[in-house]
Amino acid sequence: MCDGESMDFCTQRRRVEMTMENYLEIAKKKTAALISTSISIAAISEKMNEEVVGRLSRAGEKLGIAFQIRDDIVNAIGSYDLGKRPGGDDSKFNRPNIVTVLQLQGSEGKKAIEEGIEMMSGMVRDALDELSSFEKIDYIRKIISSYFDESQLRKYL
């Protein structure tokens, strides 16, 4: 996590370029690592087998990246309803943000946000695939789908 925070800091100081590759690396090392490690530790403490721990770890990584993307989108659109400040401070302080990265790649305004939503949804689908064989998948899917609800984000576009 410290390495990811260092990359984040260097990006803000314009020492590391804000590219998709760097954005994903920062997200993996920070948010995704936190969620993936937390889930893995819980699985290990419950003496789950290595395959299950691996699936949970991969799902946690995907959910962590999805969480970061969602947070970035909420910051870009600004919404108290979605649990965030009015927005725009990531771009103001040159913080790594998926919308900014997509804009730097040539997508404009709402298109960049739409692409971010699609990316988030892809990560969520991948995570749910990893979790599909778990006993309580219907409940898990309901909770995850509620948090990562595309329609809630799109209504602010």
N, C-alpha and C. Protein backbone atom coordinates (compact mmCIF):
# COMPACT_ATOMS: atom_id res chain seq x y z
N MET A 1 0.82 -1.19 0.00
CA MET A 1 0.00 0.00 0.00
C MET A 1 0.87 1.26 0.00
N CYS A 2 1.99 1.19 0.68
CA CYS A 2 2.89 2.35 0.73
C CYS A 2 3.43 2.68 -0.66
N ASP A 3 3.74 1.64 -1.45
CA ASP A 3 4.22 1.85 -2.80
C ASP A 3 3.16 2.55 -3.65
N GLY A 4 1.91 2.11 -3.51
CA GLY A 4 0.81 2.75 -4.24
C GLY A 4 0.61 4.19 -3.81
N GLU A 5 0.71 4.44 -2.52
CA GLU A 5 0.56 5.82 -2.02
C GLU A 5 1.71 6.69 -2.54
N SER A 6 2.90 6.13 -2.61
CA SER A 6 4.04 6.86 -3.15
C SER A 6 3.81 7.21 -4.62
N MET A 7 3.31 6.25 -5.39
CA MET A 7 3.00 6.53 -6.81
C MET A 7 1.92 7.60 -6.92
N ASP A 8 0.91 7.51 -6.07
CA ASP A 8 -0.17 8.50 -6.06
C ASP A 8 0.41 9.89 -5.80
N PHE A 9 1.24 9.99 -4.78
CA PHE A 9 1.87 11.25 -4.41
C PHE A 9 2.71 11.79 -5.57
N CYS A 10 3.49 10.91 -6.20
CA CYS A 10 4.34 11.33 -7.32
C CYS A 10 3.51 11.75 -8.53
N THR A 11 2.36 11.15 -8.72
CA THR A 11 1.46 11.56 -9.80
C THR A 11 0.93 12.96 -9.52
N GLN A 12 0.55 13.20 -8.27
CA GLN A 12 0.05 14.52 -7.92
C GLN A 12 1.12 15.59 -8.13
N ARG A 13 2.37 15.22 -7.93
CA ARG A 13 3.49 16.15 -8.09
C ARG A 13 4.04 16.15 -9.52
N ARG A 14 3.34 15.42 -10.41
CA ARG A 14 3.68 15.32 -11.83
C ARG A 14 5.05 14.67 -12.07
N ARG A 15 5.47 13.80 -11.17
CA ARG A 15 6.70 13.03 -11.35
C ARG A 15 6.41 11.68 -11.99
N VAL A 16 5.15 11.25 -11.91
CA VAL A 16 4.68 10.02 -12.55
C VAL A 16 3.53 10.43 -13.45
N GLU A 17 3.57 9.96 -14.70
CA GLU A 17 2.54 10.30 -15.67
C GLU A 17 1.21 9.64 -15.31
N MET A 18 0.12 10.36 -15.54
CA MET A 18 -1.20 9.82 -15.26
C MET A 18 -1.68 9.05 -16.50
N THR A 19 -1.30 7.77 -16.56
CA THR A 19 -1.71 6.89 -17.64
C THR A 19 -2.64 5.81 -17.08
N MET A 20 -3.30 5.07 -17.97
CA MET A 20 -4.17 3.99 -17.53
C MET A 20 -3.36 2.94 -16.77
N GLU A 21 -2.21 2.62 -17.30
CA GLU A 21 -1.35 1.61 -16.64
C GLU A 21 -0.98 2.05 -15.22
N ASN A 22 -0.57 3.29 -15.07
CA ASN A 22 -0.20 3.79 -13.74
C ASN A 22 -1.41 3.90 -12.83
N TYR A 23 -2.54 4.35 -13.39
CA TYR A 23 -3.76 4.44 -12.59
C TYR A 23 -4.12 3.07 -12.01
N LEU A 24 -4.15 2.05 -12.88
CA LEU A 24 -4.51 0.71 -12.41
C LEU A 24 -3.51 0.16 -11.40
N GLU A 25 -2.24 0.46 -11.60
CA GLU A 25 -1.23 0.01 -10.64
C GLU A 25 -1.44 0.66 -9.27
N ILE A 26 -1.74 1.95 -9.26
CA ILE A 26 -2.01 2.64 -8.00
C ILE A 26 -3.25 2.05 -7.33
N ALA A 27 -4.31 1.85 -8.10
CA ALA A 27 -5.55 1.28 -7.55
C ALA A 27 -5.31 -0.13 -7.00
N LYS A 28 -4.53 -0.94 -7.71
CA LYS A 28 -4.23 -2.30 -7.24
C LYS A 28 -3.42 -2.27 -5.95
N LYS A 29 -2.46 -1.37 -5.88
CA LYS A 29 -1.58 -1.34 -4.72
C LYS A 29 -2.21 -0.68 -3.50
N LYS A 30 -3.21 0.14 -3.71
CA LYS A 30 -3.86 0.81 -2.59
C LYS A 30 -5.20 0.16 -2.25
N THR A 31 -6.25 0.61 -2.87
CA THR A 31 -7.60 0.16 -2.53
C THR A 31 -7.78 -1.34 -2.73
N ALA A 32 -7.34 -1.86 -3.88
CA ALA A 32 -7.53 -3.28 -4.16
C ALA A 32 -6.72 -4.15 -3.19
N ALA A 33 -5.52 -3.72 -2.86
CA ALA A 33 -4.70 -4.49 -1.93
C ALA A 33 -5.35 -4.55 -0.55
N LEU A 34 -5.92 -3.45 -0.11
CA LEU A 34 -6.59 -3.41 1.19
C LEU A 34 -7.76 -4.38 1.24
N ILE A 35 -8.61 -4.32 0.22
CA ILE A 35 -9.79 -5.18 0.22
C ILE A 35 -9.41 -6.64 0.02
N SER A 36 -8.53 -6.90 -0.92
CA SER A 36 -8.10 -8.27 -1.21
C SER A 36 -7.43 -8.91 0.01
N THR A 37 -6.55 -8.17 0.65
CA THR A 37 -5.85 -8.69 1.83
C THR A 37 -6.82 -8.94 2.98
N SER A 38 -7.75 -8.04 3.19
CA SER A 38 -8.73 -8.22 4.27
C SER A 38 -9.56 -9.48 4.08
N ILE A 39 -10.02 -9.68 2.85
CA ILE A 39 -10.82 -10.88 2.56
C ILE A 39 -9.96 -12.14 2.71
N SER A 40 -8.74 -12.08 2.22
CA SER A 40 -7.85 -13.24 2.30
C SER A 40 -7.53 -13.61 3.74
N ILE A 41 -7.26 -12.63 4.55
CA ILE A 41 -6.95 -12.90 5.97
C ILE A 41 -8.14 -13.56 6.65
N ALA A 42 -9.34 -13.07 6.36
CA ALA A 42 -10.54 -13.67 6.94
C ALA A 42 -10.67 -15.13 6.49
N ALA A 43 -10.42 -15.40 5.22
CA ALA A 43 -10.53 -16.77 4.70
C ALA A 43 -9.47 -17.68 5.30
N ILE A 44 -8.27 -17.16 5.44
CA ILE A 44 -7.18 -17.95 6.04
C ILE A 44 -7.49 -18.25 7.50
N SER A 45 -8.00 -17.24 8.22
CA SER A 45 -8.31 -17.47 9.64
C SER A 45 -9.44 -18.49 9.81
N GLU A 46 -10.28 -18.64 8.79
CA GLU A 46 -11.35 -19.64 8.81
C GLU A 46 -10.88 -20.98 8.25
N LYS A 47 -9.57 -21.06 7.97
CA LYS A 47 -8.93 -22.29 7.47
C LYS A 47 -9.53 -22.78 6.16
N MET A 48 -9.87 -21.84 5.29
CA MET A 48 -10.37 -22.19 3.96
C MET A 48 -9.19 -22.66 3.10
N ASN A 49 -9.48 -23.50 2.13
CA ASN A 49 -8.39 -24.05 1.32
C ASN A 49 -7.80 -22.98 0.39
N GLU A 50 -6.65 -23.30 -0.17
CA GLU A 50 -5.88 -22.35 -0.98
C GLU A 50 -6.68 -21.86 -2.19
N GLU A 51 -7.44 -22.72 -2.81
CA GLU A 51 -8.23 -22.34 -3.98
C GLU A 51 -9.27 -21.29 -3.60
N VAL A 52 -9.95 -21.50 -2.49
CA VAL A 52 -10.97 -20.54 -2.03
C VAL A 52 -10.32 -19.21 -1.68
N VAL A 53 -9.20 -19.26 -0.98
CA VAL A 53 -8.49 -18.03 -0.62
C VAL A 53 -8.10 -17.28 -1.89
N GLY A 54 -7.63 -17.99 -2.89
CA GLY A 54 -7.25 -17.37 -4.16
C GLY A 54 -8.42 -16.70 -4.86
N ARG A 55 -9.57 -17.38 -4.90
CA ARG A 55 -10.75 -16.80 -5.54
C ARG A 55 -11.21 -15.56 -4.78
N LEU A 56 -11.20 -15.65 -3.47
CA LEU A 56 -11.60 -14.48 -2.67
C LEU A 56 -10.63 -13.33 -2.85
N SER A 57 -9.35 -13.64 -2.93
CA SER A 57 -8.33 -12.61 -3.12
C SER A 57 -8.52 -11.91 -4.48
N ARG A 58 -8.73 -12.70 -5.53
CA ARG A 58 -8.93 -12.12 -6.87
C ARG A 58 -10.22 -11.29 -6.90
N ALA A 59 -11.28 -11.80 -6.28
CA ALA A 59 -12.53 -11.05 -6.22
C ALA A 59 -12.33 -9.73 -5.46
N GLY A 60 -11.59 -9.79 -4.37
CA GLY A 60 -11.31 -8.59 -3.59
C GLY A 60 -10.53 -7.56 -4.38
N GLU A 61 -9.58 -8.03 -5.19
CA GLU A 61 -8.81 -7.10 -6.02
C GLU A 61 -9.72 -6.41 -7.04
N LYS A 62 -10.56 -7.19 -7.70
CA LYS A 62 -11.48 -6.61 -8.70
C LYS A 62 -12.45 -5.63 -8.04
N LEU A 63 -12.97 -6.01 -6.88
CA LEU A 63 -13.90 -5.11 -6.17
C LEU A 63 -13.18 -3.85 -5.69
N GLY A 64 -11.93 -3.99 -5.31
CA GLY A 64 -11.15 -2.83 -4.88
C GLY A 64 -10.95 -1.83 -6.02
N ILE A 65 -10.63 -2.35 -7.20
CA ILE A 65 -10.47 -1.48 -8.36
C ILE A 65 -11.82 -0.85 -8.72
N ALA A 66 -12.88 -1.66 -8.71
CA ALA A 66 -14.22 -1.14 -8.99
C ALA A 66 -14.60 -0.05 -8.00
N PHE A 67 -14.29 -0.28 -6.73
CA PHE A 67 -14.58 0.72 -5.68
C PHE A 67 -13.86 2.03 -5.99
N GLN A 68 -12.58 1.94 -6.38
CA GLN A 68 -11.81 3.15 -6.68
C GLN A 68 -12.38 3.88 -7.88
N ILE A 69 -12.74 3.11 -8.91
CA ILE A 69 -13.33 3.72 -10.10
C ILE A 69 -14.64 4.43 -9.74
N ARG A 70 -15.49 3.76 -8.96
CA ARG A 70 -16.76 4.37 -8.55
C ARG A 70 -16.51 5.66 -7.77
N ASP A 71 -15.57 5.61 -6.85
CA ASP A 71 -15.23 6.78 -6.05
C ASP A 71 -14.77 7.93 -6.95
N ASP A 72 -13.97 7.60 -7.96
CA ASP A 72 -13.49 8.62 -8.90
C ASP A 72 -14.63 9.23 -9.70
N ILE A 73 -15.55 8.38 -10.14
CA ILE A 73 -16.70 8.86 -10.91
C ILE A 73 -17.56 9.78 -10.05
N VAL A 74 -17.80 9.38 -8.83
CA VAL A 74 -18.60 10.21 -7.91
C VAL A 74 -17.89 11.54 -7.69
N ASN A 75 -16.56 11.51 -7.58
CA ASN A 75 -15.82 12.75 -7.41
C ASN A 75 -15.95 13.63 -8.65
N ALA A 76 -15.92 13.01 -9.81
CA ALA A 76 -16.00 13.79 -11.06
C ALA A 76 -17.37 14.42 -11.26
N ILE A 77 -18.44 13.68 -10.90
CA ILE A 77 -19.78 14.23 -11.10
C ILE A 77 -20.25 15.05 -9.92
N GLY A 78 -19.70 14.76 -8.73
CA GLY A 78 -20.07 15.48 -7.53
C GLY A 78 -21.49 15.18 -7.10
N SER A 79 -21.63 14.52 -5.96
CA SER A 79 -22.98 14.19 -5.49
C SER A 79 -22.96 13.87 -4.01
N TYR A 80 -23.70 14.65 -3.24
CA TYR A 80 -23.86 14.31 -1.83
C TYR A 80 -24.72 13.06 -1.68
N ASP A 81 -25.66 12.87 -2.61
CA ASP A 81 -26.55 11.70 -2.56
C ASP A 81 -25.77 10.39 -2.64
N LEU A 82 -24.67 10.41 -3.38
CA LEU A 82 -23.86 9.21 -3.53
C LEU A 82 -22.78 9.11 -2.46
N GLY A 83 -22.82 10.02 -1.52
CA GLY A 83 -21.91 9.94 -0.38
C GLY A 83 -20.57 10.61 -0.59
N LYS A 84 -20.55 11.68 -1.33
CA LYS A 84 -19.27 12.32 -1.63
C LYS A 84 -19.42 13.83 -1.60
N ARG A 85 -18.34 14.50 -1.44
CA ARG A 85 -18.31 15.97 -1.49
C ARG A 85 -18.78 16.47 -2.86
N PRO A 86 -18.92 17.76 -3.02
CA PRO A 86 -19.44 18.29 -4.28
C PRO A 86 -18.66 17.86 -5.51
N GLY A 87 -17.40 17.52 -5.38
CA GLY A 87 -16.66 16.96 -6.51
C GLY A 87 -15.65 17.91 -7.12
N GLY A 88 -14.85 17.32 -8.00
CA GLY A 88 -13.88 18.09 -8.76
C GLY A 88 -12.53 18.27 -8.10
N ASP A 89 -12.38 17.88 -6.84
CA ASP A 89 -11.10 18.15 -6.19
C ASP A 89 -9.99 17.22 -6.66
N ASP A 90 -10.31 16.04 -7.21
CA ASP A 90 -9.26 15.18 -7.75
C ASP A 90 -8.53 15.89 -8.89
N SER A 91 -9.29 16.47 -9.82
CA SER A 91 -8.64 17.17 -10.93
C SER A 91 -7.94 18.43 -10.45
N LYS A 92 -8.52 19.09 -9.47
CA LYS A 92 -7.91 20.32 -8.93
C LYS A 92 -6.52 20.04 -8.35
N PHE A 93 -6.37 18.88 -7.70
CA PHE A 93 -5.10 18.55 -7.05
C PHE A 93 -4.28 17.51 -7.84
N ASN A 94 -4.69 17.25 -9.09
CA ASN A 94 -4.01 16.29 -9.96
C ASN A 94 -3.91 14.89 -9.35
N ARG A 95 -4.96 14.50 -8.63
CA ARG A 95 -4.99 13.15 -8.06
C ARG A 95 -5.36 12.16 -9.16
N PRO A 96 -4.78 10.97 -9.12
CA PRO A 96 -5.16 9.95 -10.10
C PRO A 96 -6.66 9.70 -10.04
N ASN A 97 -7.31 9.76 -11.20
CA ASN A 97 -8.76 9.62 -11.28
C ASN A 97 -9.08 9.01 -12.64
N ILE A 98 -9.91 7.97 -12.67
CA ILE A 98 -10.21 7.27 -13.91
C ILE A 98 -10.79 8.20 -14.97
N VAL A 99 -11.62 9.15 -14.57
CA VAL A 99 -12.24 10.06 -15.54
C VAL A 99 -11.16 10.92 -16.19
N THR A 100 -10.23 11.42 -15.41
CA THR A 100 -9.12 12.22 -15.94
C THR A 100 -8.27 11.39 -16.89
N VAL A 101 -7.96 10.15 -16.50
CA VAL A 101 -7.16 9.28 -17.35
C VAL A 101 -7.85 9.06 -18.69
N LEU A 102 -9.14 8.78 -18.65
CA LEU A 102 -9.90 8.56 -19.89
C LEU A 102 -9.96 9.83 -20.73
N GLN A 103 -10.05 10.98 -20.09
CA GLN A 103 -10.03 12.24 -20.82
C GLN A 103 -8.67 12.47 -21.47
N LEU A 104 -7.62 12.12 -20.77
CA LEU A 104 -6.27 12.25 -21.35
C LEU A 104 -6.08 11.32 -22.55
N GLN A 105 -6.85 10.23 -22.57
CA GLN A 105 -6.79 9.30 -23.70
C GLN A 105 -7.69 9.74 -24.85
N GLY A 106 -8.43 10.84 -24.69
CA GLY A 106 -9.23 11.38 -25.78
C GLY A 106 -10.73 11.36 -25.60
N SER A 107 -11.22 10.74 -24.54
CA SER A 107 -12.66 10.74 -24.29
C SER A 107 -13.05 12.07 -23.64
N GLU A 108 -14.19 12.58 -24.04
CA GLU A 108 -14.61 13.88 -23.50
C GLU A 108 -15.78 13.74 -22.54
N GLY A 109 -15.82 14.59 -21.53
CA GLY A 109 -16.94 14.74 -20.61
C GLY A 109 -17.68 13.48 -20.23
N LYS A 110 -18.95 13.44 -20.63
CA LYS A 110 -19.82 12.33 -20.24
C LYS A 110 -19.33 10.99 -20.80
N LYS A 111 -18.69 11.02 -21.96
CA LYS A 111 -18.18 9.78 -22.55
C LYS A 111 -17.12 9.16 -21.63
N ALA A 112 -16.26 9.98 -21.05
CA ALA A 112 -15.23 9.47 -20.13
C ALA A 112 -15.89 8.84 -18.90
N ILE A 113 -16.94 9.47 -18.40
CA ILE A 113 -17.64 8.93 -17.24
C ILE A 113 -18.33 7.62 -17.61
N GLU A 114 -18.97 7.58 -18.78
CA GLU A 114 -19.61 6.34 -19.25
C GLU A 114 -18.59 5.20 -19.37
N GLU A 115 -17.43 5.51 -19.93
CA GLU A 115 -16.38 4.49 -20.06
C GLU A 115 -15.90 4.02 -18.69
N GLY A 116 -15.83 4.94 -17.74
CA GLY A 116 -15.46 4.58 -16.38
C GLY A 116 -16.50 3.66 -15.75
N ILE A 117 -17.77 3.97 -15.97
CA ILE A 117 -18.85 3.13 -15.45
C ILE A 117 -18.76 1.73 -16.05
N GLU A 118 -18.49 1.66 -17.34
CA GLU A 118 -18.35 0.35 -18.00
C GLU A 118 -17.16 -0.43 -17.43
N MET A 119 -16.07 0.26 -17.18
CA MET A 119 -14.90 -0.38 -16.59
C MET A 119 -15.22 -0.93 -15.20
N MET A 120 -15.88 -0.10 -14.40
CA MET A 120 -16.29 -0.50 -13.06
C MET A 120 -17.17 -1.75 -13.14
N SER A 121 -18.14 -1.72 -14.03
CA SER A 121 -19.06 -2.85 -14.16
C SER A 121 -18.34 -4.12 -14.60
N GLY A 122 -17.36 -3.98 -15.46
CA GLY A 122 -16.57 -5.14 -15.87
C GLY A 122 -15.81 -5.75 -14.70
N MET A 123 -15.25 -4.91 -13.86
CA MET A 123 -14.54 -5.39 -12.66
C MET A 123 -15.51 -6.10 -11.72
N VAL A 124 -16.69 -5.56 -11.57
CA VAL A 124 -17.71 -6.17 -10.70
C VAL A 124 -18.12 -7.53 -11.27
N ARG A 125 -18.34 -7.60 -12.57
CA ARG A 125 -18.70 -8.89 -13.20
C ARG A 125 -17.60 -9.93 -12.97
N ASP A 126 -16.34 -9.50 -13.14
CA ASP A 126 -15.22 -10.42 -12.92
C ASP A 126 -15.18 -10.91 -11.47
N ALA A 127 -15.42 -10.00 -10.55
CA ALA A 127 -15.43 -10.36 -9.12
C ALA A 127 -16.56 -11.35 -8.84
N LEU A 128 -17.74 -11.07 -9.37
CA LEU A 128 -18.87 -11.97 -9.14
C LEU A 128 -18.64 -13.34 -9.78
N ASP A 129 -17.93 -13.38 -10.89
CA ASP A 129 -17.56 -14.67 -11.49
C ASP A 129 -16.69 -15.48 -10.53
N GLU A 130 -15.75 -14.80 -9.88
CA GLU A 130 -14.88 -15.48 -8.91
C GLU A 130 -15.69 -16.00 -7.72
N LEU A 131 -16.76 -15.31 -7.39
CA LEU A 131 -17.58 -15.66 -6.23
C LEU A 131 -18.77 -16.55 -6.56
N SER A 132 -18.96 -16.87 -7.83
CA SER A 132 -20.18 -17.53 -8.29
C SER A 132 -20.47 -18.87 -7.63
N SER A 133 -19.47 -19.58 -7.16
CA SER A 133 -19.72 -20.90 -6.57
C SER A 133 -19.97 -20.85 -5.06
N PHE A 134 -19.91 -19.66 -4.49
CA PHE A 134 -20.13 -19.55 -3.05
C PHE A 134 -21.60 -19.73 -2.71
N GLU A 135 -21.83 -20.33 -1.59
CA GLU A 135 -23.17 -20.69 -1.14
C GLU A 135 -24.15 -19.51 -1.13
N LYS A 136 -23.72 -18.38 -0.69
CA LYS A 136 -24.61 -17.22 -0.52
C LYS A 136 -24.45 -16.22 -1.67
N ILE A 137 -24.17 -16.73 -2.87
CA ILE A 137 -23.90 -15.83 -3.99
C ILE A 137 -25.07 -14.90 -4.30
N ASP A 138 -26.30 -15.35 -4.16
CA ASP A 138 -27.43 -14.47 -4.45
C ASP A 138 -27.45 -13.26 -3.52
N TYR A 139 -27.17 -13.49 -2.25
CA TYR A 139 -27.11 -12.40 -1.28
C TYR A 139 -25.90 -11.50 -1.57
N ILE A 140 -24.77 -12.13 -1.85
CA ILE A 140 -23.54 -11.38 -2.17
C ILE A 140 -23.77 -10.51 -3.40
N ARG A 141 -24.36 -11.09 -4.43
CA ARG A 141 -24.62 -10.37 -5.68
C ARG A 141 -25.55 -9.17 -5.42
N LYS A 142 -26.54 -9.35 -4.59
CA LYS A 142 -27.49 -8.28 -4.28
C LYS A 142 -26.78 -7.10 -3.61
N ILE A 143 -25.95 -7.39 -2.63
CA ILE A 143 -25.22 -6.33 -1.91
C ILE A 143 -24.27 -5.61 -2.85
N ILE A 144 -23.48 -6.36 -3.60
CA ILE A 144 -22.48 -5.78 -4.50
C ILE A 144 -23.18 -4.97 -5.60
N SER A 145 -24.22 -5.53 -6.19
CA SER A 145 -24.94 -4.85 -7.27
C SER A 145 -25.59 -3.56 -6.79
N SER A 146 -26.06 -3.55 -5.58
CA SER A 146 -26.67 -2.34 -5.03
C SER A 146 -25.63 -1.22 -4.91
N TYR A 147 -24.46 -1.53 -4.43
CA TYR A 147 -23.42 -0.50 -4.25
C TYR A 147 -22.90 0.00 -5.59
N PHE A 148 -22.72 -0.92 -6.53
CA PHE A 148 -22.15 -0.56 -7.83
C PHE A 148 -23.24 -0.37 -8.89
N ASP A 149 -24.38 0.14 -8.52
CA ASP A 149 -25.51 0.33 -9.41
C ASP A 149 -25.22 1.40 -10.45
N GLU A 150 -25.10 0.98 -11.70
CA GLU A 150 -24.80 1.89 -12.80
C GLU A 150 -25.85 2.98 -12.94
N SER A 151 -27.11 2.61 -12.79
CA SER A 151 -28.19 3.59 -12.99
C SER A 151 -28.11 4.73 -11.98
N GLN A 152 -27.63 4.45 -10.78
CA GLN A 152 -27.48 5.51 -9.78
C GLN A 152 -26.43 6.52 -10.23
N LEU A 153 -25.35 6.04 -10.85
CA LEU A 153 -24.31 6.95 -11.35
C LEU A 153 -24.78 7.70 -12.58
N ARG A 154 -25.46 7.00 -13.48
CA ARG A 154 -25.88 7.62 -14.74
C ARG A 154 -26.94 8.71 -14.57
N LYS A 155 -27.70 8.65 -13.51
CA LYS A 155 -28.75 9.67 -13.36
C LYS A 155 -28.16 11.06 -13.09
N TYR A 156 -26.86 11.14 -12.83
CA TYR A 156 -26.23 12.43 -12.60
C TYR A 156 -25.53 12.97 -13.84
N LEU A 157 -25.60 12.21 -14.93
CA LEU A 157 -24.94 12.65 -16.17
C LEU A 157 -25.78 13.66 -16.92
